[in-house]
């Protein structure tokens, strides 16, 4: 099974930017869709953004226009560029790979937006 490892989480002030990375141990084409989820304390995990193998992207409403998901097939890496960060974006961010055989998840990376 392809393993996923996230990185890039940090403490940033409101209005700041971060880029999260999700590195796969194998080809990301083994997944028909990859995405980023997040879970804030006391809340359910929610879908943030997805990118399909063909390149189609989708975003949850609260991040549209601020976040951008992309993929580098040569590096087997998926990115989440986050701009204009808000305190409500604070959460653990998880990378997900969806395959016919089942989903793969990373261990998560903490993003904290605070002054």
C-alpha atoms as a PDB file:
ATOM      1  CA  UNK A   1       0.000   0.000   0.000  1.00  0.00           C
ATOM      2  CA  UNK A   2       1.242   3.481  -0.867  1.00  0.00           C
ATOM      3  CA  UNK A   3       2.152   5.494   2.222  1.00  0.00           C
ATOM      4  CA  UNK A   4       1.420   9.220   2.506  1.00  0.00           C
ATOM      5  CA  UNK A   5       3.479  11.691   4.545  1.00  0.00           C
ATOM      6  CA  UNK A   6       2.390  15.284   5.118  1.00  0.00           C
ATOM      7  CA  UNK A   7       4.671  18.195   5.940  1.00  0.00           C
ATOM      8  CA  UNK A   8       4.593  21.969   6.056  1.00  0.00           C
ATOM      9  CA  UNK A   9       2.325  22.676   9.003  1.00  0.00           C
ATOM     10  CA  UNK A  10       3.280  25.612  11.213  1.00  0.00           C
ATOM     11  CA  UNK A  11       2.107  28.522  13.347  1.00  0.00           C
ATOM     12  CA  UNK A  12       1.261  31.517  11.167  1.00  0.00           C
ATOM     13  CA  UNK A  13      -0.450  34.857  11.825  1.00  0.00           C
ATOM     14  CA  UNK A  14      -3.857  35.673  10.337  1.00  0.00           C
ATOM     15  CA  UNK A  15      -3.487  36.661   6.702  1.00  0.00           C
ATOM     16  CA  UNK A  16      -0.396  34.532   6.278  1.00  0.00           C
ATOM     17  CA  UNK A  17       0.333  31.727   3.844  1.00  0.00           C
ATOM     18  CA  UNK A  18       1.497  28.129   4.053  1.00  0.00           C
ATOM     19  CA  UNK A  19       2.106  25.331   1.603  1.00  0.00           C
ATOM     20  CA  UNK A  20       1.447  21.800   2.745  1.00  0.00           C
ATOM     21  CA  UNK A  21       3.034  18.836   0.983  1.00  0.00           C
ATOM     22  CA  UNK A  22       1.899  15.233   0.793  1.00  0.00           C
ATOM     23  CA  UNK A  23       4.601  12.868  -0.423  1.00  0.00           C
ATOM     24  CA  UNK A  24       3.613   9.396  -1.583  1.00  0.00           C
ATOM     25  CA  UNK A  25       5.887   6.357  -1.271  1.00  0.00           C
ATOM     26  CA  UNK A  26       4.733   5.200  -4.696  1.00  0.00           C
ATOM     27  CA  UNK A  27       2.958   6.534  -7.739  1.00  0.00           C
ATOM     28  CA  UNK A  28       0.075   8.878  -7.006  1.00  0.00           C
ATOM     29  CA  UNK A  29      -1.593   7.483 -10.118  1.00  0.00           C
ATOM     30  CA  UNK A  30      -2.479   4.524  -7.934  1.00  0.00           C
ATOM     31  CA  UNK A  31      -5.153   6.870  -6.530  1.00  0.00           C
ATOM     32  CA  UNK A  32      -8.063   8.061  -8.662  1.00  0.00           C
ATOM     33  CA  UNK A  33      -8.430  11.053  -6.379  1.00  0.00           C
ATOM     34  CA  UNK A  34      -6.277  12.758  -3.773  1.00  0.00           C
ATOM     35  CA  UNK A  35      -7.419  15.270  -1.246  1.00  0.00           C
ATOM     36  CA  UNK A  36      -6.815  17.262   1.874  1.00  0.00           C
ATOM     37  CA  UNK A  37      -9.022  16.991   4.940  1.00  0.00           C
ATOM     38  CA  UNK A  38      -8.818  18.842   8.226  1.00  0.00           C
ATOM     39  CA  UNK A  39      -9.998  18.290  11.763  1.00  0.00           C
ATOM     40  CA  UNK A  40     -10.255  21.039  14.335  1.00  0.00           C
ATOM     41  CA  UNK A  41     -10.471  20.281  18.066  1.00  0.00           C
ATOM     42  CA  UNK A  42     -13.934  19.050  18.985  1.00  0.00           C
ATOM     43  CA  UNK A  43     -15.084  18.942  15.354  1.00  0.00           C
ATOM     44  CA  UNK A  44     -15.528  16.276  12.735  1.00  0.00           C
ATOM     45  CA  UNK A  45     -12.992  15.790   9.992  1.00  0.00           C
ATOM     46  CA  UNK A  46     -14.020  17.772   6.913  1.00  0.00           C
ATOM     47  CA  UNK A  47     -13.021  17.668   3.277  1.00  0.00           C
ATOM     48  CA  UNK A  48     -11.038  20.737   2.199  1.00  0.00           C
ATOM     49  CA  UNK A  49      -9.951  20.101  -1.389  1.00  0.00           C
ATOM     50  CA  UNK A  50      -9.642  17.307  -3.917  1.00  0.00           C
ATOM     51  CA  UNK A  51      -7.783  16.719  -7.150  1.00  0.00           C
ATOM     52  CA  UNK A  52      -8.628  13.889  -9.511  1.00  0.00           C
ATOM     53  CA  UNK A  53      -6.141  11.970 -11.610  1.00  0.00           C
ATOM     54  CA  UNK A  54      -7.251  13.995 -14.624  1.00  0.00           C
ATOM     55  CA  UNK A  55      -6.544  17.243 -12.826  1.00  0.00           C
ATOM     56  CA  UNK A  56     -10.073  18.334 -11.892  1.00  0.00           C
ATOM     57  CA  UNK A  57     -10.143  20.156  -8.570  1.00  0.00           C
ATOM     58  CA  UNK A  58     -12.847  20.951  -6.051  1.00  0.00           C
ATOM     59  CA  UNK A  59     -12.954  22.941  -2.814  1.00  0.00           C
ATOM     60  CA  UNK A  60     -15.176  23.345   0.167  1.00  0.00           C
ATOM     61  CA  UNK A  61     -16.882  26.722   0.190  1.00  0.00           C
ATOM     62  CA  UNK A  62     -14.997  28.248   3.093  1.00  0.00           C
ATOM     63  CA  UNK A  63     -11.608  27.940   1.323  1.00  0.00           C
ATOM     64  CA  UNK A  64     -12.572  28.772  -2.261  1.00  0.00           C
ATOM     65  CA  UNK A  65     -10.407  31.559  -3.603  1.00  0.00           C
ATOM     66  CA  UNK A  66      -7.885  31.155  -0.779  1.00  0.00           C
ATOM     67  CA  UNK A  67      -6.607  27.567  -1.090  1.00  0.00           C
ATOM     68  CA  UNK A  68      -5.245  25.795  -4.131  1.00  0.00           C
ATOM     69  CA  UNK A  69      -4.563  22.075  -4.535  1.00  0.00           C
ATOM     70  CA  UNK A  70      -2.044  20.832  -7.077  1.00  0.00           C
ATOM     71  CA  UNK A  71       0.003  17.774  -7.897  1.00  0.00           C
ATOM     72  CA  UNK A  72       3.503  17.053  -9.190  1.00  0.00           C
ATOM     73  CA  UNK A  73       3.302  13.641 -10.818  1.00  0.00           C
ATOM     74  CA  UNK A  74       7.059  13.380 -11.275  1.00  0.00           C
ATOM     75  CA  UNK A  75       7.605  13.879  -7.538  1.00  0.00           C
ATOM     76  CA  UNK A  76       4.536  11.870  -6.480  1.00  0.00           C
ATOM     77  CA  UNK A  77       3.537  14.820  -4.337  1.00  0.00           C
ATOM     78  CA  UNK A  78       0.326  16.739  -3.783  1.00  0.00           C
ATOM     79  CA  UNK A  79       0.340  20.283  -2.433  1.00  0.00           C
ATOM     80  CA  UNK A  80      -2.119  22.552  -0.691  1.00  0.00           C
ATOM     81  CA  UNK A  81      -1.297  26.241  -1.034  1.00  0.00           C
ATOM     82  CA  UNK A  82      -3.130  28.170   1.648  1.00  0.00           C
ATOM     83  CA  UNK A  83      -3.358  31.968   1.463  1.00  0.00           C
ATOM     84  CA  UNK A  84      -5.191  34.571   3.532  1.00  0.00           C
ATOM     85  CA  UNK A  85      -5.292  32.186   6.443  1.00  0.00           C
ATOM     86  CA  UNK A  86      -7.875  32.720   9.163  1.00  0.00           C
ATOM     87  CA  UNK A  87      -7.984  31.517  12.770  1.00  0.00           C
ATOM     88  CA  UNK A  88     -10.813  29.172  11.797  1.00  0.00           C
ATOM     89  CA  UNK A  89      -8.411  27.365   9.463  1.00  0.00           C
ATOM     90  CA  UNK A  90      -6.610  26.046  12.538  1.00  0.00           C
ATOM     91  CA  UNK A  91      -6.694  22.254  12.427  1.00  0.00           C
ATOM     92  CA  UNK A  92      -4.735  19.108  11.785  1.00  0.00           C
ATOM     93  CA  UNK A  93      -4.561  18.649   8.030  1.00  0.00           C
ATOM     94  CA  UNK A  94      -4.580  15.144   6.582  1.00  0.00           C
ATOM     95  CA  UNK A  95      -3.703  13.921   3.134  1.00  0.00           C
ATOM     96  CA  UNK A  96      -5.938  11.265   1.611  1.00  0.00           C
ATOM     97  CA  UNK A  97      -5.559   9.016  -1.393  1.00  0.00           C
ATOM     98  CA  UNK A  98      -8.654   7.271  -2.719  1.00  0.00           C
ATOM     99  CA  UNK A  99      -8.129   3.993  -4.572  1.00  0.00           C
ATOM    100  CA  UNK A 100     -10.434   1.189  -5.631  1.00  0.00           C
ATOM    101  CA  UNK A 101      -8.691  -1.030  -3.090  1.00  0.00           C
ATOM    102  CA  UNK A 102      -9.303   1.478  -0.297  1.00  0.00           C
ATOM    103  CA  UNK A 103      -8.147   4.788   1.112  1.00  0.00           C
ATOM    104  CA  UNK A 104      -4.713   5.763   2.385  1.00  0.00           C
ATOM    105  CA  UNK A 105      -4.169   8.467   4.986  1.00  0.00           C
ATOM    106  CA  UNK A 106      -1.203  10.405   6.230  1.00  0.00           C
ATOM    107  CA  UNK A 107      -0.457  11.053   9.874  1.00  0.00           C
ATOM    108  CA  UNK A 108      -1.490  14.718   9.723  1.00  0.00           C
ATOM    109  CA  UNK A 109       0.272  18.047  10.080  1.00  0.00           C
ATOM    110  CA  UNK A 110      -0.762  20.825  12.470  1.00  0.00           C
ATOM    111  CA  UNK A 111      -1.695  24.247  11.122  1.00  0.00           C
ATOM    112  CA  UNK A 112      -2.278  26.968  13.698  1.00  0.00           C
ATOM    113  CA  UNK A 113      -3.399  30.448  12.668  1.00  0.00           C
ATOM    114  CA  UNK A 114      -2.947  32.873  15.526  1.00  0.00           C
ATOM    115  CA  UNK A 115      -1.401  36.221  16.332  1.00  0.00           C
END
